[in-house]
């Protein structure tokens, strides 16, 4: 992604490495996230030694909608090194990722 949209929030630094998925699930209130299967959430919470950890994270990246409890703003989760929350609307992300353009 060349440029992040206005309102993008840096959520987790890439310095967490393979622990980004686990940290996302630990630090995000589950009730603020929709579009994620409980099994995927639990798999990421368990950490990177789990057999399906990366598949579960891909599922979260592909479907999670995070709602900020204070504003009601919704975000899609995007990772390109760092983990970002990108503003979204009823149609999904407001930006086109490199994968979408391909």
PDB file of N, CA and C in Angstrom:
ATOM      1  N   UNK A   1       0.861  -1.164   0.000  1.00  0.00           N
ATOM      2  CA  UNK A   1       0.000   0.000   0.000  1.00  0.00           C
ATOM      3  C   UNK A   1       0.904   1.222   0.000  1.00  0.00           C
ATOM      4  N   UNK A   2       0.732   2.087  -0.957  1.00  0.00           N
ATOM      5  CA  UNK A   2       1.547   3.289  -1.071  1.00  0.00           C
ATOM      6  C   UNK A   2       1.252   4.280   0.042  1.00  0.00           C
ATOM      7  N   UNK A   3      -0.006   4.614   0.195  1.00  0.00           N
ATOM      8  CA  UNK A   3      -0.389   5.643   1.147  1.00  0.00           C
ATOM      9  C   UNK A   3      -1.593   5.170   1.947  1.00  0.00           C
ATOM     10  N   UNK A   4      -1.513   5.354   3.233  1.00  0.00           N
ATOM     11  CA  UNK A   4      -2.636   4.961   4.084  1.00  0.00           C
ATOM     12  C   UNK A   4      -3.700   6.046   4.049  1.00  0.00           C
ATOM     13  N   UNK A   5      -4.951   5.664   4.211  1.00  0.00           N
ATOM     14  CA  UNK A   5      -6.026   6.652   4.157  1.00  0.00           C
ATOM     15  C   UNK A   5      -6.051   7.535   5.406  1.00  0.00           C
ATOM     16  N   UNK A   6      -6.707   8.672   5.268  1.00  0.00           N
ATOM     17  CA  UNK A   6      -6.937   9.514   6.448  1.00  0.00           C
ATOM     18  C   UNK A   6      -7.665   8.688   7.490  1.00  0.00           C
ATOM     19  N   UNK A   7      -7.291   8.846   8.713  1.00  0.00           N
ATOM     20  CA  UNK A   7      -7.956   8.128   9.791  1.00  0.00           C
ATOM     21  C   UNK A   7      -7.362   6.765  10.091  1.00  0.00           C
ATOM     22  N   UNK A   8      -6.325   6.345   9.338  1.00  0.00           N
ATOM     23  CA  UNK A   8      -5.676   5.064   9.612  1.00  0.00           C
ATOM     24  C   UNK A   8      -4.969   5.146  10.964  1.00  0.00           C
ATOM     25  N   UNK A   9      -5.074   4.073  11.724  1.00  0.00           N
ATOM     26  CA  UNK A   9      -4.470   4.036  13.050  1.00  0.00           C
ATOM     27  C   UNK A   9      -3.413   2.946  13.121  1.00  0.00           C
ATOM     28  N   UNK A  10      -2.203   3.317  13.515  1.00  0.00           N
ATOM     29  CA  UNK A  10      -1.179   2.311  13.772  1.00  0.00           C
ATOM     30  C   UNK A  10      -1.597   1.585  15.037  1.00  0.00           C
ATOM     31  N   UNK A  11      -1.834   0.290  14.925  1.00  0.00           N
ATOM     32  CA  UNK A  11      -2.353  -0.470  16.050  1.00  0.00           C
ATOM     33  C   UNK A  11      -1.263  -1.265  16.753  1.00  0.00           C
ATOM     34  N   UNK A  12      -0.437  -1.964  15.977  1.00  0.00           N
ATOM     35  CA  UNK A  12       0.648  -2.762  16.544  1.00  0.00           C
ATOM     36  C   UNK A  12       1.880  -2.628  15.656  1.00  0.00           C
ATOM     37  N   UNK A  13       2.994  -2.313  16.259  1.00  0.00           N
ATOM     38  CA  UNK A  13       4.250  -2.166  15.532  1.00  0.00           C
ATOM     39  C   UNK A  13       4.767  -3.524  15.056  1.00  0.00           C
ATOM     40  N   UNK A  14       5.474  -3.489  13.927  1.00  0.00           N
ATOM     41  CA  UNK A  14       6.058  -4.728  13.413  1.00  0.00           C
ATOM     42  C   UNK A  14       7.173  -5.257  14.314  1.00  0.00           C
ATOM     43  N   UNK A  15       7.566  -4.489  15.324  1.00  0.00           N
ATOM     44  CA  UNK A  15       8.585  -4.976  16.259  1.00  0.00           C
ATOM     45  C   UNK A  15       8.092  -6.191  17.047  1.00  0.00           C
ATOM     46  N   UNK A  16       6.781  -6.435  17.043  1.00  0.00           N
ATOM     47  CA  UNK A  16       6.226  -7.616  17.723  1.00  0.00           C
ATOM     48  C   UNK A  16       6.418  -8.889  16.909  1.00  0.00           C
ATOM     49  N   UNK A  17       6.786  -8.744  15.662  1.00  0.00           N
ATOM     50  CA  UNK A  17       7.072  -9.895  14.818  1.00  0.00           C
ATOM     51  C   UNK A  17       5.929 -10.894  14.752  1.00  0.00           C
ATOM     52  N   UNK A  18       6.247 -12.170  14.988  1.00  0.00           N
ATOM     53  CA  UNK A  18       5.257 -13.242  14.865  1.00  0.00           C
ATOM     54  C   UNK A  18       4.166 -13.175  15.934  1.00  0.00           C
ATOM     55  N   UNK A  19       4.329 -12.289  16.897  1.00  0.00           N
ATOM     56  CA  UNK A  19       3.344 -12.171  17.970  1.00  0.00           C
ATOM     57  C   UNK A  19       2.248 -11.140  17.677  1.00  0.00           C
ATOM     58  N   UNK A  20       2.284 -10.508  16.507  1.00  0.00           N
ATOM     59  CA  UNK A  20       1.247  -9.522  16.170  1.00  0.00           C
ATOM     60  C   UNK A  20      -0.157 -10.130  16.251  1.00  0.00           C
ATOM     61  N   UNK A  21      -0.431 -11.286  15.650  1.00  0.00           N
ATOM     62  CA  UNK A  21      -1.789 -11.836  15.757  1.00  0.00           C
ATOM     63  C   UNK A  21      -2.216 -12.082  17.205  1.00  0.00           C
ATOM     64  N   UNK A  22      -1.318 -12.641  17.995  1.00  0.00           N
ATOM     65  CA  UNK A  22      -1.635 -12.908  19.395  1.00  0.00           C
ATOM     66  C   UNK A  22      -1.888 -11.592  20.138  1.00  0.00           C
ATOM     67  N   UNK A  23      -1.047 -10.594  19.926  1.00  0.00           N
ATOM     68  CA  UNK A  23      -1.205  -9.296  20.585  1.00  0.00           C
ATOM     69  C   UNK A  23      -2.510  -8.623  20.162  1.00  0.00           C
ATOM     70  N   UNK A  24      -2.873  -8.773  18.890  1.00  0.00           N
ATOM     71  CA  UNK A  24      -4.129  -8.193  18.421  1.00  0.00           C
ATOM     72  C   UNK A  24      -5.299  -8.752  19.231  1.00  0.00           C
ATOM     73  N   UNK A  25      -5.323 -10.055  19.402  1.00  0.00           N
ATOM     74  CA  UNK A  25      -6.428 -10.690  20.132  1.00  0.00           C
ATOM     75  C   UNK A  25      -6.365 -10.414  21.632  1.00  0.00           C
ATOM     76  N   UNK A  26      -5.188 -10.263  22.165  1.00  0.00           N
ATOM     77  CA  UNK A  26      -5.059  -9.948  23.584  1.00  0.00           C
ATOM     78  C   UNK A  26      -5.481  -8.514  23.895  1.00  0.00           C
ATOM     79  N   UNK A  27      -5.192  -7.593  22.982  1.00  0.00           N
ATOM     80  CA  UNK A  27      -5.391  -6.174  23.263  1.00  0.00           C
ATOM     81  C   UNK A  27      -6.703  -5.605  22.723  1.00  0.00           C
ATOM     82  N   UNK A  28      -7.425  -6.388  21.958  1.00  0.00           N
ATOM     83  CA  UNK A  28      -8.671  -5.915  21.367  1.00  0.00           C
ATOM     84  C   UNK A  28      -9.835  -6.561  22.096  1.00  0.00           C
ATOM     85  N   UNK A  29     -10.782  -5.753  22.529  1.00  0.00           N
ATOM     86  CA  UNK A  29     -11.965  -6.298  23.191  1.00  0.00           C
ATOM     87  C   UNK A  29     -12.750  -7.127  22.185  1.00  0.00           C
ATOM     88  N   UNK A  30     -12.985  -8.369  22.512  1.00  0.00           N
ATOM     89  CA  UNK A  30     -13.676  -9.292  21.593  1.00  0.00           C
ATOM     90  C   UNK A  30     -15.044  -8.755  21.177  1.00  0.00           C
ATOM     91  N   UNK A  31     -15.739  -8.101  22.096  1.00  0.00           N
ATOM     92  CA  UNK A  31     -17.070  -7.586  21.770  1.00  0.00           C
ATOM     93  C   UNK A  31     -17.034  -6.425  20.771  1.00  0.00           C
ATOM     94  N   UNK A  32     -15.848  -5.898  20.499  1.00  0.00           N
ATOM     95  CA  UNK A  32     -15.707  -4.815  19.520  1.00  0.00           C
ATOM     96  C   UNK A  32     -15.370  -5.336  18.127  1.00  0.00           C
ATOM     97  N   UNK A  33     -15.279  -6.654  17.982  1.00  0.00           N
ATOM     98  CA  UNK A  33     -14.877  -7.251  16.706  1.00  0.00           C
ATOM     99  C   UNK A  33     -15.980  -8.169  16.198  1.00  0.00           C
ATOM    100  N   UNK A  34     -16.348  -7.987  14.931  1.00  0.00           N
ATOM    101  CA  UNK A  34     -17.294  -8.912  14.300  1.00  0.00           C
ATOM    102  C   UNK A  34     -16.638  -9.448  13.021  1.00  0.00           C
ATOM    103  N   UNK A  35     -17.215 -10.523  12.511  1.00  0.00           N
ATOM    104  CA  UNK A  35     -16.680 -11.111  11.287  1.00  0.00           C
ATOM    105  C   UNK A  35     -15.534 -12.071  11.506  1.00  0.00           C
ATOM    106  N   UNK A  36     -15.344 -12.496  12.760  1.00  0.00           N
ATOM    107  CA  UNK A  36     -14.245 -13.406  13.099  1.00  0.00           C
ATOM    108  C   UNK A  36     -14.810 -14.599  13.851  1.00  0.00           C
ATOM    109  N   UNK A  37     -14.472 -15.786  13.395  1.00  0.00           N
ATOM    110  CA  UNK A  37     -14.902 -17.007  14.077  1.00  0.00           C
ATOM    111  C   UNK A  37     -14.196 -17.119  15.425  1.00  0.00           C
ATOM    112  N   UNK A  38     -14.915 -17.592  16.426  1.00  0.00           N
ATOM    113  CA  UNK A  38     -14.327 -17.773  17.751  1.00  0.00           C
ATOM    114  C   UNK A  38     -13.117 -18.698  17.707  1.00  0.00           C
ATOM    115  N   UNK A  39     -13.165 -19.710  16.863  1.00  0.00           N
ATOM    116  CA  UNK A  39     -12.035 -20.643  16.760  1.00  0.00           C
ATOM    117  C   UNK A  39     -10.777 -19.926  16.269  1.00  0.00           C
ATOM    118  N   UNK A  40     -10.922 -19.019  15.304  1.00  0.00           N
ATOM    119  CA  UNK A  40      -9.766 -18.258  14.812  1.00  0.00           C
ATOM    120  C   UNK A  40      -9.230 -17.331  15.896  1.00  0.00           C
ATOM    121  N   UNK A  41     -10.126 -16.698  16.624  1.00  0.00           N
ATOM    122  CA  UNK A  41      -9.731 -15.809  17.718  1.00  0.00           C
ATOM    123  C   UNK A  41      -8.932 -16.596  18.765  1.00  0.00           C
ATOM    124  N   UNK A  42      -9.446 -17.737  19.173  1.00  0.00           N
ATOM    125  CA  UNK A  42      -8.786 -18.557  20.192  1.00  0.00           C
ATOM    126  C   UNK A  42      -7.443 -19.093  19.699  1.00  0.00           C
ATOM    127  N   UNK A  43      -7.377 -19.443  18.426  1.00  0.00           N
ATOM    128  CA  UNK A  43      -6.129 -19.948  17.854  1.00  0.00           C
ATOM    129  C   UNK A  43      -5.043 -18.882  17.916  1.00  0.00           C
ATOM    130  N   UNK A  44      -5.390 -17.648  17.571  1.00  0.00           N
ATOM    131  CA  UNK A  44      -4.401 -16.574  17.631  1.00  0.00           C
ATOM    132  C   UNK A  44      -4.035 -16.234  19.079  1.00  0.00           C
ATOM    133  N   UNK A  45      -5.009 -16.268  19.959  1.00  0.00           N
ATOM    134  CA  UNK A  45      -4.722 -16.026  21.379  1.00  0.00           C
ATOM    135  C   UNK A  45      -3.712 -17.025  21.938  1.00  0.00           C
ATOM    136  N   UNK A  46      -3.759 -18.250  21.447  1.00  0.00           N
ATOM    137  CA  UNK A  46      -2.882 -19.311  21.946  1.00  0.00           C
ATOM    138  C   UNK A  46      -1.424 -19.117  21.545  1.00  0.00           C
ATOM    139  N   UNK A  47      -1.169 -18.309  20.520  1.00  0.00           N
ATOM    140  CA  UNK A  47       0.205 -17.998  20.155  1.00  0.00           C
ATOM    141  C   UNK A  47       0.709 -18.691  18.910  1.00  0.00           C
ATOM    142  N   UNK A  48       1.898 -18.280  18.472  1.00  0.00           N
ATOM    143  CA  UNK A  48       2.439 -18.709  17.179  1.00  0.00           C
ATOM    144  C   UNK A  48       2.890 -20.165  17.094  1.00  0.00           C
ATOM    145  N   UNK A  49       2.885 -20.888  18.202  1.00  0.00           N
ATOM    146  CA  UNK A  49       3.260 -22.291  18.131  1.00  0.00           C
ATOM    147  C   UNK A  49       2.114 -23.179  17.653  1.00  0.00           C
ATOM    148  N   UNK A  50       0.917 -22.623  17.590  1.00  0.00           N
ATOM    149  CA  UNK A  50      -0.239 -23.393  17.136  1.00  0.00           C
ATOM    150  C   UNK A  50      -0.169 -23.714  15.651  1.00  0.00           C
ATOM    151  N   UNK A  51      -0.663 -24.899  15.307  1.00  0.00           N
ATOM    152  CA  UNK A  51      -0.600 -25.378  13.918  1.00  0.00           C
ATOM    153  C   UNK A  51      -1.327 -24.462  12.947  1.00  0.00           C
ATOM    154  N   UNK A  52      -2.456 -23.870  13.348  1.00  0.00           N
ATOM    155  CA  UNK A  52      -3.296 -23.084  12.429  1.00  0.00           C
ATOM    156  C   UNK A  52      -3.215 -21.586  12.696  1.00  0.00           C
ATOM    157  N   UNK A  53      -2.189 -21.158  13.385  1.00  0.00           N
ATOM    158  CA  UNK A  53      -2.023 -19.757  13.782  1.00  0.00           C
ATOM    159  C   UNK A  53      -2.094 -18.796  12.596  1.00  0.00           C
ATOM    160  N   UNK A  54      -1.303 -19.062  11.572  1.00  0.00           N
ATOM    161  CA  UNK A  54      -1.243 -18.122  10.439  1.00  0.00           C
ATOM    162  C   UNK A  54      -2.505 -18.174   9.595  1.00  0.00           C
ATOM    163  N   UNK A  55      -3.103 -19.335   9.480  1.00  0.00           N
ATOM    164  CA  UNK A  55      -4.379 -19.426   8.754  1.00  0.00           C
ATOM    165  C   UNK A  55      -5.471 -18.659   9.499  1.00  0.00           C
ATOM    166  N   UNK A  56      -5.468 -18.766  10.816  1.00  0.00           N
ATOM    167  CA  UNK A  56      -6.450 -18.033  11.619  1.00  0.00           C
ATOM    168  C   UNK A  56      -6.235 -16.529  11.476  1.00  0.00           C
ATOM    169  N   UNK A  57      -4.990 -16.094  11.466  1.00  0.00           N
ATOM    170  CA  UNK A  57      -4.692 -14.667  11.308  1.00  0.00           C
ATOM    171  C   UNK A  57      -5.143 -14.164   9.934  1.00  0.00           C
ATOM    172  N   UNK A  58      -4.906 -14.947   8.908  1.00  0.00           N
ATOM    173  CA  UNK A  58      -5.375 -14.564   7.570  1.00  0.00           C
ATOM    174  C   UNK A  58      -6.890 -14.420   7.547  1.00  0.00           C
ATOM    175  N   UNK A  59      -7.568 -15.295   8.247  1.00  0.00           N
ATOM    176  CA  UNK A  59      -9.020 -15.212   8.336  1.00  0.00           C
ATOM    177  C   UNK A  59      -9.454 -13.930   9.051  1.00  0.00           C
ATOM    178  N   UNK A  60      -8.758 -13.595  10.116  1.00  0.00           N
ATOM    179  CA  UNK A  60      -9.060 -12.358  10.838  1.00  0.00           C
ATOM    180  C   UNK A  60      -8.799 -11.153   9.944  1.00  0.00           C
ATOM    181  N   UNK A  61      -7.672 -11.134   9.272  1.00  0.00           N
ATOM    182  CA  UNK A  61      -7.360 -10.024   8.374  1.00  0.00           C
ATOM    183  C   UNK A  61      -8.406  -9.881   7.268  1.00  0.00           C
ATOM    184  N   UNK A  62      -8.927 -10.997   6.820  1.00  0.00           N
ATOM    185  CA  UNK A  62      -9.884 -10.964   5.721  1.00  0.00           C
ATOM    186  C   UNK A  62     -11.304 -10.619   6.106  1.00  0.00           C
ATOM    187  N   UNK A  63     -11.646 -10.724   7.394  1.00  0.00           N
ATOM    188  CA  UNK A  63     -13.042 -10.529   7.735  1.00  0.00           C
ATOM    189  C   UNK A  63     -13.355  -9.648   8.925  1.00  0.00           C
ATOM    190  N   UNK A  64     -12.354  -9.288   9.712  1.00  0.00           N
ATOM    191  CA  UNK A  64     -12.617  -8.545  10.943  1.00  0.00           C
ATOM    192  C   UNK A  64     -13.061  -7.118  10.673  1.00  0.00           C
ATOM    193  N   UNK A  65     -14.089  -6.718  11.394  1.00  0.00           N
ATOM    194  CA  UNK A  65     -14.509  -5.324  11.453  1.00  0.00           C
ATOM    195  C   UNK A  65     -14.445  -4.938  12.930  1.00  0.00           C
ATOM    196  N   UNK A  66     -13.613  -3.950  13.222  1.00  0.00           N
ATOM    197  CA  UNK A  66     -13.422  -3.493  14.591  1.00  0.00           C
ATOM    198  C   UNK A  66     -14.201  -2.194  14.770  1.00  0.00           C
ATOM    199  N   UNK A  67     -15.020  -2.131  15.803  1.00  0.00           N
ATOM    200  CA  UNK A  67     -15.786  -0.929  16.098  1.00  0.00           C
ATOM    201  C   UNK A  67     -15.210  -0.249  17.331  1.00  0.00           C
ATOM    202  N   UNK A  68     -14.816   0.999  17.175  1.00  0.00           N
ATOM    203  CA  UNK A  68     -14.301   1.765  18.310  1.00  0.00           C
ATOM    204  C   UNK A  68     -15.445   2.033  19.275  1.00  0.00           C
ATOM    205  N   UNK A  69     -15.312   1.620  20.531  1.00  0.00           N
ATOM    206  CA  UNK A  69     -16.426   1.757  21.470  1.00  0.00           C
ATOM    207  C   UNK A  69     -16.796   3.203  21.779  1.00  0.00           C
ATOM    208  N   UNK A  70     -15.837   4.110  21.682  1.00  0.00           N
ATOM    209  CA  UNK A  70     -16.113   5.498  22.034  1.00  0.00           C
ATOM    210  C   UNK A  70     -16.741   6.304  20.903  1.00  0.00           C
ATOM    211  N   UNK A  71     -16.418   5.958  19.647  1.00  0.00           N
ATOM    212  CA  UNK A  71     -16.914   6.754  18.509  1.00  0.00           C
ATOM    213  C   UNK A  71     -17.874   5.997  17.603  1.00  0.00           C
ATOM    214  N   UNK A  72     -17.824   4.666  17.639  1.00  0.00           N
ATOM    215  CA  UNK A  72     -18.636   3.872  16.726  1.00  0.00           C
ATOM    216  C   UNK A  72     -18.016   3.722  15.344  1.00  0.00           C
ATOM    217  N   UNK A  73     -16.875   4.353  15.101  1.00  0.00           N
ATOM    218  CA  UNK A  73     -16.170   4.227  13.821  1.00  0.00           C
ATOM    219  C   UNK A  73     -15.774   2.774  13.618  1.00  0.00           C
ATOM    220  N   UNK A  74     -15.918   2.293  12.397  1.00  0.00           N
ATOM    221  CA  UNK A  74     -15.527   0.922  12.092  1.00  0.00           C
ATOM    222  C   UNK A  74     -14.221   0.904  11.301  1.00  0.00           C
ATOM    223  N   UNK A  75     -13.465  -0.156  11.540  1.00  0.00           N
ATOM    224  CA  UNK A  75     -12.147  -0.307  10.924  1.00  0.00           C
ATOM    225  C   UNK A  75     -11.963  -1.723  10.401  1.00  0.00           C
ATOM    226  N   UNK A  76     -11.227  -1.831   9.315  1.00  0.00           N
ATOM    227  CA  UNK A  76     -10.730  -3.110   8.810  1.00  0.00           C
ATOM    228  C   UNK A  76      -9.303  -3.262   9.329  1.00  0.00           C
ATOM    229  N   UNK A  77      -8.870  -4.490   9.485  1.00  0.00           N
ATOM    230  CA  UNK A  77      -7.516  -4.763   9.968  1.00  0.00           C
ATOM    231  C   UNK A  77      -6.638  -5.023   8.752  1.00  0.00           C
ATOM    232  N   UNK A  78      -5.489  -4.361   8.707  1.00  0.00           N
ATOM    233  CA  UNK A  78      -4.560  -4.482   7.583  1.00  0.00           C
ATOM    234  C   UNK A  78      -3.154  -4.635   8.134  1.00  0.00           C
ATOM    235  N   UNK A  79      -2.398  -5.566   7.578  1.00  0.00           N
ATOM    236  CA  UNK A  79      -1.013  -5.735   8.005  1.00  0.00           C
ATOM    237  C   UNK A  79      -0.083  -5.683   6.815  1.00  0.00           C
ATOM    238  N   UNK A  80       0.874  -4.790   6.912  1.00  0.00           N
ATOM    239  CA  UNK A  80       1.960  -4.688   5.950  1.00  0.00           C
ATOM    240  C   UNK A  80       3.191  -4.375   6.791  1.00  0.00           C
ATOM    241  N   UNK A  81       3.695  -5.387   7.480  1.00  0.00           N
ATOM    242  CA  UNK A  81       4.692  -5.156   8.518  1.00  0.00           C
ATOM    243  C   UNK A  81       3.947  -4.775   9.790  1.00  0.00           C
ATOM    244  N   UNK A  82       3.692  -3.476   9.982  1.00  0.00           N
ATOM    245  CA  UNK A  82       2.878  -2.998  11.090  1.00  0.00           C
ATOM    246  C   UNK A  82       1.432  -3.440  10.889  1.00  0.00           C
ATOM    247  N   UNK A  83       0.684  -3.485  11.968  1.00  0.00           N
ATOM    248  CA  UNK A  83      -0.743  -3.794  11.912  1.00  0.00           C
ATOM    249  C   UNK A  83      -1.505  -2.475  12.048  1.00  0.00           C
ATOM    250  N   UNK A  84      -2.372  -2.210  11.085  1.00  0.00           N
ATOM    251  CA  UNK A  84      -3.131  -0.958  11.019  1.00  0.00           C
ATOM    252  C   UNK A  84      -4.619  -1.229  11.127  1.00  0.00           C
ATOM    253  N   UNK A  85      -5.337  -0.246  11.629  1.00  0.00           N
ATOM    254  CA  UNK A  85      -6.784  -0.222  11.532  1.00  0.00           C
ATOM    255  C   UNK A  85      -7.125   0.834  10.501  1.00  0.00           C
ATOM    256  N   UNK A  86      -7.799   0.398   9.427  1.00  0.00           N
ATOM    257  CA  UNK A  86      -8.164   1.300   8.338  1.00  0.00           C
ATOM    258  C   UNK A  86      -9.651   1.596   8.389  1.00  0.00           C
ATOM    259  N   UNK A  87     -10.033   2.864   8.290  1.00  0.00           N
ATOM    260  CA  UNK A  87     -11.457   3.198   8.331  1.00  0.00           C
ATOM    261  C   UNK A  87     -12.220   2.424   7.262  1.00  0.00           C
ATOM    262  N   UNK A  88     -13.417   2.005   7.609  1.00  0.00           N
ATOM    263  CA  UNK A  88     -14.253   1.311   6.631  1.00  0.00           C
ATOM    264  C   UNK A  88     -15.690   1.786   6.782  1.00  0.00           C
ATOM    265  N   UNK A  89     -16.502   1.388   5.828  1.00  0.00           N
ATOM    266  CA  UNK A  89     -17.921   1.702   5.884  1.00  0.00           C
ATOM    267  C   UNK A  89     -18.690   0.413   5.623  1.00  0.00           C
ATOM    268  N   UNK A  90     -19.947   0.506   5.348  1.00  0.00           N
ATOM    269  CA  UNK A  90     -20.791  -0.682   5.162  1.00  0.00           C
ATOM    270  C   UNK A  90     -20.308  -1.553   4.009  1.00  0.00           C
ATOM    271  N   UNK A  91     -19.572  -0.983   3.067  1.00  0.00           N
ATOM    272  CA  UNK A  91     -19.072  -1.749   1.921  1.00  0.00           C
ATOM    273  C   UNK A  91     -17.714  -2.379   2.186  1.00  0.00           C
ATOM    274  N   UNK A  92     -17.096  -2.048   3.285  1.00  0.00           N
ATOM    275  CA  UNK A  92     -15.777  -2.600   3.593  1.00  0.00           C
ATOM    276  C   UNK A  92     -14.734  -1.512   3.654  1.00  0.00           C
ATOM    277  N   UNK A  93     -13.497  -1.883   3.412  1.00  0.00           N
ATOM    278  CA  UNK A  93     -12.397  -0.924   3.506  1.00  0.00           C
ATOM    279  C   UNK A  93     -12.585   0.211   2.508  1.00  0.00           C
ATOM    280  N   UNK A  94     -12.177   1.396   2.939  1.00  0.00           N
ATOM    281  CA  UNK A  94     -12.290   2.574   2.090  1.00  0.00           C
ATOM    282  C   UNK A  94     -11.101   2.732   1.160  1.00  0.00           C
ATOM    283  N   UNK A  95     -10.145   1.837   1.253  1.00  0.00           N
ATOM    284  CA  UNK A  95      -8.968   1.912   0.398  1.00  0.00           C
ATOM    285  C   UNK A  95      -8.794   0.586  -0.318  1.00  0.00           C
ATOM    286  N   UNK A  96      -8.067   0.642  -1.395  1.00  0.00           N
ATOM    287  CA  UNK A  96      -7.757  -0.572  -2.144  1.00  0.00           C
ATOM    288  C   UNK A  96      -6.359  -1.013  -1.750  1.00  0.00           C
ATOM    289  N   UNK A  97      -6.216  -2.236  -1.279  1.00  0.00           N
ATOM    290  CA  UNK A  97      -4.910  -2.762  -0.940  1.00  0.00           C
ATOM    291  C   UNK A  97      -4.247  -3.287  -2.202  1.00  0.00           C
ATOM    292  N   UNK A  98      -2.957  -3.575  -2.116  1.00  0.00           N
ATOM    293  CA  UNK A  98      -2.235  -4.109  -3.266  1.00  0.00           C
ATOM    294  C   UNK A  98      -2.849  -5.409  -3.741  1.00  0.00           C
ATOM    295  N   UNK A  99      -3.342  -6.233  -2.806  1.00  0.00           N
ATOM    296  CA  UNK A  99      -3.955  -7.501  -3.188  1.00  0.00           C
ATOM    297  C   UNK A  99      -5.228  -7.273  -3.994  1.00  0.00           C
ATOM    298  N   UNK A 100      -5.989  -6.221  -3.655  1.00  0.00           N
ATOM    299  CA  UNK A 100      -7.215  -5.916  -4.378  1.00  0.00           C
ATOM    300  C   UNK A 100      -6.906  -5.479  -5.811  1.00  0.00           C
ATOM    301  N   UNK A 101      -5.794  -4.761  -5.984  1.00  0.00           N
ATOM    302  CA  UNK A 101      -5.443  -4.212  -7.287  1.00  0.00           C
ATOM    303  C   UNK A 101      -4.926  -5.284  -8.233  1.00  0.00           C
ATOM    304  N   UNK A 102      -4.413  -6.387  -7.683  1.00  0.00           N
ATOM    305  CA  UNK A 102      -3.813  -7.444  -8.521  1.00  0.00           C
ATOM    306  C   UNK A 102      -4.864  -8.234  -9.275  1.00  0.00           C
TER     307      UNK A 102
END
